[in-house]
Amino acid sequence: MKLKQAGVSLLAASALALSIGGAASAAEQAPSKPLHVSDIKLMGIETVGEWNKSISTTGGEVILDTVLYKYNTVMSISGYQEAQGTAARVRYQIRERVNSSEVGPVLGYIDVTNVNGYFSREFATNILTAGKTYVLQAVNNTSAPVSIKGNAVVYYD
């Protein structure tokens, strides 16, 4: 019985110490002035590419979409991938479009491995230039057919 009471007392003391510490830290983090609507900076989001594809062979490659990159900001890809009977391993790569029939070398890639389900990743911003057109591709590194659905999104000021 004394052990139970000691445990309850210890818990009560811990809770009191945490509540006092929480109040002090909340007071320290209070803003120096009230927040106004003009203080909030909104960011834009633009979907620049969409796809719903499948790759039937190992090592198979498919063009997902062609995107115009208008802002020097983050481009991310999000989607869903699934392989039949195993975990999907897909490489999403980006190339600069040279002209209507030619693309340049791979500038960057994102490996989404061992994922049957949803994912979200972003390309490094130092490989992309505003005003250029890029081609998004996917390569199946799985030993089974893969279905991929998703989109490319750009966040900007």
N, C-alpha and C. Protein backbone atom coordinates (compact mmCIF):
# COMPACT_ATOMS: atom_id res chain seq x y z
N MET A 1 0.82 -1.19 0.00
CA MET A 1 0.00 0.00 0.00
C MET A 1 0.87 1.26 0.00
N LYS A 2 1.95 1.25 0.82
CA LYS A 2 2.84 2.41 0.88
C LYS A 2 3.54 2.62 -0.46
N LEU A 3 3.88 1.52 -1.14
CA LEU A 3 4.53 1.61 -2.44
C LEU A 3 3.60 2.26 -3.46
N LYS A 4 2.32 1.90 -3.41
CA LYS A 4 1.33 2.46 -4.32
C LYS A 4 1.17 3.97 -4.06
N GLN A 5 1.12 4.36 -2.77
CA GLN A 5 0.98 5.78 -2.42
C GLN A 5 2.22 6.56 -2.84
N ALA A 6 3.40 5.96 -2.67
CA ALA A 6 4.63 6.63 -3.07
C ALA A 6 4.66 6.84 -4.58
N GLY A 7 4.18 5.85 -5.33
CA GLY A 7 4.12 5.97 -6.79
C GLY A 7 3.18 7.07 -7.23
N VAL A 8 2.02 7.15 -6.57
CA VAL A 8 1.04 8.20 -6.88
C VAL A 8 1.62 9.56 -6.55
N SER A 9 2.30 9.69 -5.41
CA SER A 9 2.91 10.96 -5.02
C SER A 9 3.98 11.38 -6.01
N LEU A 10 4.78 10.43 -6.46
CA LEU A 10 5.83 10.71 -7.43
C LEU A 10 5.24 11.17 -8.75
N LEU A 11 4.17 10.51 -9.19
CA LEU A 11 3.49 10.92 -10.43
C LEU A 11 2.90 12.31 -10.29
N ALA A 12 2.29 12.61 -9.15
CA ALA A 12 1.70 13.93 -8.94
C ALA A 12 2.78 15.01 -8.95
N ALA A 13 3.92 14.73 -8.32
CA ALA A 13 5.02 15.70 -8.30
C ALA A 13 5.57 15.92 -9.70
N SER A 14 5.70 14.85 -10.48
CA SER A 14 6.18 14.96 -11.86
C SER A 14 5.22 15.78 -12.70
N ALA A 15 3.93 15.54 -12.55
CA ALA A 15 2.93 16.28 -13.32
C ALA A 15 2.96 17.75 -12.96
N LEU A 16 3.12 18.06 -11.68
CA LEU A 16 3.18 19.45 -11.25
C LEU A 16 4.42 20.14 -11.83
N ALA A 17 5.56 19.45 -11.79
CA ALA A 17 6.79 20.02 -12.34
C ALA A 17 6.65 20.26 -13.84
N LEU A 18 6.05 19.33 -14.55
CA LEU A 18 5.86 19.51 -15.99
C LEU A 18 4.91 20.65 -16.30
N SER A 19 3.85 20.78 -15.52
CA SER A 19 2.90 21.86 -15.79
C SER A 19 3.52 23.22 -15.50
N ILE A 20 4.35 23.32 -14.48
CA ILE A 20 5.03 24.59 -14.19
C ILE A 20 6.03 24.89 -15.29
N GLY A 21 6.80 23.89 -15.69
CA GLY A 21 7.78 24.07 -16.76
C GLY A 21 7.11 24.42 -18.07
N GLY A 22 5.97 23.81 -18.35
CA GLY A 22 5.24 24.10 -19.59
C GLY A 22 4.74 25.52 -19.61
N ALA A 23 4.26 26.03 -18.47
CA ALA A 23 3.76 27.40 -18.41
C ALA A 23 4.90 28.39 -18.61
N ALA A 24 6.06 28.09 -18.03
CA ALA A 24 7.19 28.99 -18.18
C ALA A 24 7.66 29.02 -19.63
N SER A 25 7.75 27.86 -20.26
CA SER A 25 8.22 27.85 -21.64
C SER A 25 7.21 28.49 -22.58
N ALA A 26 5.93 28.36 -22.29
CA ALA A 26 4.91 29.00 -23.12
C ALA A 26 5.02 30.51 -23.01
N ALA A 27 5.32 31.02 -21.81
CA ALA A 27 5.46 32.45 -21.63
C ALA A 27 6.69 32.97 -22.37
N GLU A 28 7.75 32.19 -22.42
CA GLU A 28 8.96 32.60 -23.12
C GLU A 28 8.75 32.67 -24.62
N GLN A 29 7.87 31.84 -25.17
CA GLN A 29 7.69 31.76 -26.61
C GLN A 29 6.58 32.67 -27.13
N ALA A 30 6.01 33.49 -26.27
CA ALA A 30 4.93 34.37 -26.71
C ALA A 30 5.48 35.37 -27.73
N PRO A 31 4.73 35.64 -28.80
CA PRO A 31 5.21 36.59 -29.80
C PRO A 31 5.32 37.99 -29.22
N SER A 32 6.26 38.78 -29.73
CA SER A 32 6.48 40.12 -29.22
C SER A 32 5.37 41.08 -29.65
N LYS A 33 4.68 40.76 -30.74
CA LYS A 33 3.56 41.59 -31.20
C LYS A 33 2.47 40.68 -31.75
N PRO A 34 1.25 41.16 -31.80
CA PRO A 34 0.17 40.33 -32.35
C PRO A 34 0.41 40.02 -33.83
N LEU A 35 -0.05 38.87 -34.26
CA LEU A 35 0.08 38.46 -35.65
C LEU A 35 -1.05 39.07 -36.48
N HIS A 36 -0.69 39.67 -37.61
CA HIS A 36 -1.67 40.28 -38.51
C HIS A 36 -1.69 39.52 -39.83
N VAL A 37 -2.77 39.65 -40.56
CA VAL A 37 -2.89 38.97 -41.85
C VAL A 37 -1.76 39.38 -42.79
N SER A 38 -1.34 40.62 -42.73
CA SER A 38 -0.27 41.10 -43.62
C SER A 38 1.07 40.44 -43.30
N ASP A 39 1.21 39.84 -42.11
CA ASP A 39 2.45 39.17 -41.72
C ASP A 39 2.57 37.78 -42.34
N ILE A 40 1.50 37.25 -42.85
CA ILE A 40 1.49 35.88 -43.37
C ILE A 40 1.88 35.91 -44.84
N LYS A 41 2.85 35.09 -45.20
CA LYS A 41 3.28 34.99 -46.59
C LYS A 41 2.71 33.71 -47.17
N LEU A 42 1.87 33.85 -48.17
CA LEU A 42 1.24 32.69 -48.79
C LEU A 42 2.14 32.12 -49.86
N MET A 43 2.13 30.81 -49.98
CA MET A 43 2.88 30.15 -51.03
C MET A 43 1.89 29.55 -52.01
N GLY A 44 2.30 29.50 -53.25
CA GLY A 44 1.46 28.88 -54.26
C GLY A 44 1.87 27.45 -54.50
N ILE A 45 0.94 26.67 -54.96
CA ILE A 45 1.19 25.28 -55.32
C ILE A 45 0.64 25.07 -56.71
N GLU A 46 1.45 24.52 -57.59
CA GLU A 46 1.00 24.26 -58.96
C GLU A 46 1.32 22.82 -59.34
N THR A 47 0.31 22.10 -59.78
CA THR A 47 0.53 20.75 -60.30
C THR A 47 1.04 20.90 -61.73
N VAL A 48 2.23 20.39 -61.99
CA VAL A 48 2.84 20.56 -63.30
C VAL A 48 2.89 19.27 -64.11
N GLY A 49 2.52 18.16 -63.54
CA GLY A 49 2.52 16.89 -64.26
C GLY A 49 1.69 15.85 -63.55
N GLU A 50 1.08 14.96 -64.32
CA GLU A 50 0.27 13.87 -63.76
C GLU A 50 0.50 12.61 -64.58
N TRP A 51 0.36 11.45 -63.93
CA TRP A 51 0.52 10.19 -64.67
C TRP A 51 -0.25 9.06 -64.01
N ASN A 52 -0.58 8.10 -64.83
CA ASN A 52 -1.22 6.85 -64.42
C ASN A 52 -0.71 5.81 -65.41
N LYS A 53 0.39 5.14 -65.08
CA LYS A 53 1.08 4.28 -66.03
C LYS A 53 1.41 2.94 -65.40
N SER A 54 1.83 2.03 -66.25
CA SER A 54 2.37 0.76 -65.77
C SER A 54 3.60 0.43 -66.59
N ILE A 55 4.52 -0.28 -65.96
CA ILE A 55 5.74 -0.74 -66.63
C ILE A 55 5.78 -2.25 -66.46
N SER A 56 5.70 -2.96 -67.57
CA SER A 56 5.54 -4.41 -67.49
C SER A 56 6.85 -5.18 -67.36
N THR A 57 7.97 -4.60 -67.76
CA THR A 57 9.22 -5.36 -67.76
C THR A 57 10.24 -4.77 -66.79
N THR A 58 11.09 -5.64 -66.26
CA THR A 58 12.19 -5.18 -65.42
C THR A 58 13.14 -4.38 -66.28
N GLY A 59 13.52 -3.21 -65.80
CA GLY A 59 14.38 -2.33 -66.58
C GLY A 59 13.61 -1.48 -67.58
N GLY A 60 12.31 -1.71 -67.67
CA GLY A 60 11.49 -0.93 -68.59
C GLY A 60 11.41 0.52 -68.15
N GLU A 61 11.29 1.40 -69.12
CA GLU A 61 11.29 2.84 -68.87
C GLU A 61 10.07 3.45 -69.53
N VAL A 62 9.46 4.43 -68.87
CA VAL A 62 8.28 5.08 -69.42
C VAL A 62 8.37 6.58 -69.13
N ILE A 63 7.92 7.39 -70.08
CA ILE A 63 7.83 8.84 -69.86
C ILE A 63 6.55 9.11 -69.09
N LEU A 64 6.68 9.79 -67.97
CA LEU A 64 5.53 10.10 -67.14
C LEU A 64 4.83 11.37 -67.63
N ASP A 65 5.59 12.43 -67.83
CA ASP A 65 5.01 13.69 -68.28
C ASP A 65 6.14 14.65 -68.64
N THR A 66 5.78 15.68 -69.39
CA THR A 66 6.68 16.78 -69.71
C THR A 66 6.21 17.99 -68.92
N VAL A 67 7.12 18.63 -68.21
CA VAL A 67 6.73 19.74 -67.33
C VAL A 67 7.53 21.00 -67.65
N LEU A 68 6.85 22.14 -67.56
CA LEU A 68 7.50 23.44 -67.68
C LEU A 68 7.78 23.92 -66.27
N TYR A 69 9.04 24.11 -65.97
CA TYR A 69 9.48 24.53 -64.63
C TYR A 69 9.62 26.05 -64.65
N LYS A 70 8.67 26.76 -64.04
CA LYS A 70 8.61 28.22 -64.14
C LYS A 70 9.26 28.95 -62.97
N TYR A 71 9.51 28.27 -61.87
CA TYR A 71 9.98 28.94 -60.66
C TYR A 71 11.23 28.25 -60.14
N ASN A 72 12.14 29.00 -59.57
CA ASN A 72 13.33 28.42 -58.94
C ASN A 72 13.01 27.99 -57.52
N THR A 73 12.16 26.99 -57.40
CA THR A 73 11.75 26.50 -56.08
C THR A 73 11.74 24.98 -56.09
N VAL A 74 11.07 24.41 -55.14
CA VAL A 74 11.04 22.96 -54.96
C VAL A 74 10.05 22.30 -55.92
N MET A 75 10.49 21.22 -56.58
CA MET A 75 9.58 20.37 -57.35
C MET A 75 9.55 19.01 -56.66
N SER A 76 8.36 18.58 -56.29
CA SER A 76 8.24 17.29 -55.64
C SER A 76 7.36 16.37 -56.48
N ILE A 77 7.56 15.08 -56.28
CA ILE A 77 6.68 14.10 -56.90
C ILE A 77 6.01 13.31 -55.78
N SER A 78 4.75 13.06 -55.96
CA SER A 78 3.97 12.29 -54.99
C SER A 78 3.15 11.29 -55.76
N GLY A 79 2.87 10.17 -55.15
CA GLY A 79 2.06 9.21 -55.85
C GLY A 79 1.91 7.90 -55.12
N TYR A 80 1.53 6.91 -55.91
CA TYR A 80 1.28 5.56 -55.41
C TYR A 80 1.93 4.60 -56.39
N GLN A 81 2.67 3.65 -55.88
CA GLN A 81 3.27 2.63 -56.73
C GLN A 81 3.03 1.26 -56.11
N GLU A 82 2.87 0.27 -57.00
CA GLU A 82 2.60 -1.08 -56.51
C GLU A 82 3.11 -2.10 -57.52
N ALA A 83 3.84 -3.09 -57.02
CA ALA A 83 4.31 -4.19 -57.84
C ALA A 83 3.48 -5.43 -57.53
N GLN A 84 3.44 -6.34 -58.47
CA GLN A 84 2.66 -7.57 -58.30
C GLN A 84 3.51 -8.62 -57.59
N GLY A 85 3.15 -8.95 -56.34
CA GLY A 85 3.82 -10.02 -55.61
C GLY A 85 5.12 -9.65 -54.92
N THR A 86 5.55 -8.41 -54.96
CA THR A 86 6.79 -8.00 -54.33
C THR A 86 6.75 -6.49 -54.06
N ALA A 87 7.72 -5.99 -53.33
CA ALA A 87 7.79 -4.55 -53.07
C ALA A 87 8.35 -3.83 -54.29
N ALA A 88 7.74 -2.73 -54.65
CA ALA A 88 8.14 -1.99 -55.85
C ALA A 88 9.45 -1.24 -55.63
N ARG A 89 10.28 -1.22 -56.67
CA ARG A 89 11.51 -0.43 -56.69
C ARG A 89 11.52 0.34 -58.01
N VAL A 90 11.27 1.65 -57.91
CA VAL A 90 11.15 2.48 -59.11
C VAL A 90 12.10 3.66 -58.98
N ARG A 91 12.79 3.98 -60.07
CA ARG A 91 13.64 5.18 -60.14
C ARG A 91 12.90 6.22 -60.96
N TYR A 92 12.65 7.38 -60.34
CA TYR A 92 12.04 8.51 -61.03
C TYR A 92 13.17 9.46 -61.40
N GLN A 93 13.30 9.75 -62.68
CA GLN A 93 14.41 10.59 -63.13
C GLN A 93 13.91 11.77 -63.94
N ILE A 94 14.75 12.80 -63.99
CA ILE A 94 14.38 14.02 -64.70
C ILE A 94 15.48 14.37 -65.70
N ARG A 95 15.04 14.74 -66.90
CA ARG A 95 15.95 15.13 -67.98
C ARG A 95 15.47 16.43 -68.59
N GLU A 96 16.39 17.23 -69.08
CA GLU A 96 15.99 18.45 -69.77
C GLU A 96 15.55 18.11 -71.19
N ARG A 97 14.46 18.71 -71.62
CA ARG A 97 13.97 18.50 -72.99
C ARG A 97 14.73 19.45 -73.90
N VAL A 98 15.46 18.89 -74.88
CA VAL A 98 16.27 19.69 -75.80
C VAL A 98 15.39 20.27 -76.90
N ASN A 99 14.60 19.42 -77.53
CA ASN A 99 13.62 19.85 -78.54
C ASN A 99 12.48 18.84 -78.53
N SER A 100 11.59 18.92 -79.51
CA SER A 100 10.39 18.08 -79.49
C SER A 100 10.67 16.59 -79.60
N SER A 101 11.85 16.22 -80.08
CA SER A 101 12.14 14.79 -80.25
C SER A 101 13.38 14.32 -79.50
N GLU A 102 13.97 15.18 -78.68
CA GLU A 102 15.23 14.81 -78.04
C GLU A 102 15.27 15.30 -76.59
N VAL A 103 15.80 14.45 -75.71
CA VAL A 103 16.01 14.84 -74.32
C VAL A 103 17.48 14.69 -73.97
N GLY A 104 17.93 15.46 -73.01
CA GLY A 104 19.31 15.41 -72.58
C GLY A 104 19.56 14.28 -71.60
N PRO A 105 20.75 14.26 -71.01
CA PRO A 105 21.08 13.21 -70.04
C PRO A 105 20.29 13.38 -68.74
N VAL A 106 20.31 12.35 -67.94
CA VAL A 106 19.62 12.38 -66.64
C VAL A 106 20.31 13.42 -65.75
N LEU A 107 19.52 14.38 -65.26
CA LEU A 107 20.05 15.43 -64.38
C LEU A 107 19.97 15.03 -62.92
N GLY A 108 18.98 14.25 -62.59
CA GLY A 108 18.80 13.81 -61.21
C GLY A 108 17.78 12.70 -61.16
N TYR A 109 17.79 11.98 -60.06
CA TYR A 109 16.82 10.89 -59.92
C TYR A 109 16.46 10.70 -58.45
N ILE A 110 15.33 10.04 -58.26
CA ILE A 110 14.84 9.70 -56.93
C ILE A 110 14.51 8.22 -56.95
N ASP A 111 15.14 7.45 -56.09
CA ASP A 111 14.83 6.03 -55.97
C ASP A 111 13.78 5.84 -54.88
N VAL A 112 12.65 5.25 -55.24
CA VAL A 112 11.61 4.91 -54.27
C VAL A 112 11.61 3.39 -54.22
N THR A 113 12.29 2.83 -53.20
CA THR A 113 12.50 1.39 -53.14
C THR A 113 11.72 0.76 -52.00
N ASN A 114 11.34 -0.49 -52.24
CA ASN A 114 10.62 -1.30 -51.25
C ASN A 114 9.35 -0.63 -50.75
N VAL A 115 8.65 0.03 -51.65
CA VAL A 115 7.41 0.72 -51.29
C VAL A 115 6.29 0.24 -52.18
N ASN A 116 5.30 -0.39 -51.60
CA ASN A 116 4.01 -0.63 -52.24
C ASN A 116 3.05 0.28 -51.52
N GLY A 117 2.81 1.44 -52.06
CA GLY A 117 1.94 2.40 -51.40
C GLY A 117 2.30 3.81 -51.78
N TYR A 118 1.93 4.74 -50.91
CA TYR A 118 2.10 6.16 -51.19
C TYR A 118 3.50 6.63 -50.83
N PHE A 119 3.97 7.63 -51.57
CA PHE A 119 5.28 8.22 -51.32
C PHE A 119 5.26 9.68 -51.73
N SER A 120 6.23 10.43 -51.26
CA SER A 120 6.43 11.82 -51.66
C SER A 120 7.91 12.14 -51.51
N ARG A 121 8.52 12.65 -52.56
CA ARG A 121 9.95 12.99 -52.55
C ARG A 121 10.12 14.27 -53.37
N GLU A 122 11.29 14.91 -53.23
CA GLU A 122 11.54 16.11 -54.02
C GLU A 122 12.90 16.04 -54.70
N PHE A 123 12.97 16.69 -55.86
CA PHE A 123 14.23 16.78 -56.59
C PHE A 123 15.09 17.89 -55.98
N ALA A 124 16.39 17.74 -56.08
CA ALA A 124 17.31 18.78 -55.62
C ALA A 124 17.09 20.04 -56.45
N THR A 125 17.00 21.18 -55.80
CA THR A 125 16.71 22.42 -56.52
C THR A 125 17.88 22.90 -57.37
N ASN A 126 19.09 22.48 -57.07
CA ASN A 126 20.25 22.96 -57.82
C ASN A 126 20.38 22.33 -59.21
N ILE A 127 19.55 21.36 -59.55
CA ILE A 127 19.64 20.74 -60.88
C ILE A 127 18.62 21.31 -61.85
N LEU A 128 17.69 22.14 -61.36
CA LEU A 128 16.62 22.67 -62.19
C LEU A 128 16.81 24.17 -62.43
N THR A 129 16.38 24.64 -63.61
CA THR A 129 16.47 26.05 -63.97
C THR A 129 15.11 26.54 -64.41
N ALA A 130 14.68 27.67 -63.86
CA ALA A 130 13.38 28.24 -64.21
C ALA A 130 13.32 28.55 -65.71
N GLY A 131 12.16 28.30 -66.30
CA GLY A 131 11.95 28.59 -67.71
C GLY A 131 12.27 27.44 -68.64
N LYS A 132 12.80 26.36 -68.12
CA LYS A 132 13.14 25.21 -68.96
C LYS A 132 12.07 24.13 -68.86
N THR A 133 12.05 23.27 -69.87
CA THR A 133 11.10 22.16 -69.91
C THR A 133 11.85 20.87 -69.59
N TYR A 134 11.24 20.06 -68.75
CA TYR A 134 11.86 18.81 -68.31
C TYR A 134 10.93 17.64 -68.60
N VAL A 135 11.54 16.47 -68.75
CA VAL A 135 10.80 15.23 -68.96
C VAL A 135 11.00 14.36 -67.72
N LEU A 136 9.89 13.92 -67.14
CA LEU A 136 9.93 13.01 -66.00
C LEU A 136 9.77 11.59 -66.52
N GLN A 137 10.63 10.69 -66.08
CA GLN A 137 10.59 9.30 -66.50
C GLN A 137 10.61 8.40 -65.28
N ALA A 138 10.17 7.17 -65.48
CA ALA A 138 10.24 6.15 -64.42
C ALA A 138 10.89 4.90 -65.01
N VAL A 139 11.73 4.28 -64.22
CA VAL A 139 12.40 3.04 -64.61
C VAL A 139 12.03 1.97 -63.58
N ASN A 140 11.55 0.83 -64.05
CA ASN A 140 11.16 -0.28 -63.18
C ASN A 140 12.39 -1.10 -62.83
N ASN A 141 12.79 -1.07 -61.56
CA ASN A 141 13.90 -1.89 -61.08
C ASN A 141 13.40 -3.08 -60.27
N THR A 142 12.13 -3.42 -60.45
CA THR A 142 11.49 -4.52 -59.75
C THR A 142 11.47 -5.74 -60.66
N SER A 143 11.42 -6.92 -60.09
CA SER A 143 11.36 -8.15 -60.89
C SER A 143 9.93 -8.51 -61.26
N ALA A 144 9.04 -7.53 -61.27
CA ALA A 144 7.63 -7.76 -61.59
C ALA A 144 7.06 -6.48 -62.21
N PRO A 145 5.92 -6.59 -62.88
CA PRO A 145 5.27 -5.38 -63.40
C PRO A 145 4.91 -4.40 -62.27
N VAL A 146 4.94 -3.11 -62.59
CA VAL A 146 4.67 -2.06 -61.61
C VAL A 146 3.62 -1.11 -62.15
N SER A 147 2.68 -0.72 -61.30
CA SER A 147 1.70 0.33 -61.62
C SER A 147 2.08 1.57 -60.83
N ILE A 148 2.08 2.72 -61.51
CA ILE A 148 2.44 3.97 -60.83
C ILE A 148 1.43 5.05 -61.19
N LYS A 149 1.01 5.78 -60.19
CA LYS A 149 0.11 6.92 -60.36
C LYS A 149 0.70 8.06 -59.55
N GLY A 150 0.59 9.28 -60.05
CA GLY A 150 1.11 10.38 -59.25
C GLY A 150 1.06 11.70 -59.95
N ASN A 151 1.74 12.67 -59.35
CA ASN A 151 1.84 13.99 -59.94
C ASN A 151 3.11 14.68 -59.49
N ALA A 152 3.47 15.71 -60.24
CA ALA A 152 4.59 16.57 -59.89
C ALA A 152 4.02 17.91 -59.49
N VAL A 153 4.55 18.46 -58.42
CA VAL A 153 4.03 19.71 -57.87
C VAL A 153 5.19 20.67 -57.64
N VAL A 154 4.96 21.95 -57.93
CA VAL A 154 5.94 22.99 -57.67
C VAL A 154 5.35 23.94 -56.63
N TYR A 155 6.15 24.27 -55.64
CA TYR A 155 5.76 25.23 -54.61
C TYR A 155 6.49 26.54 -54.90
N TYR A 156 5.80 27.66 -54.83
CA TYR A 156 6.43 28.94 -55.15
C TYR A 156 5.86 30.06 -54.27
N ASP A 157 6.59 31.19 -54.25
CA ASP A 157 6.15 32.37 -53.48
C ASP A 157 5.08 33.12 -54.22
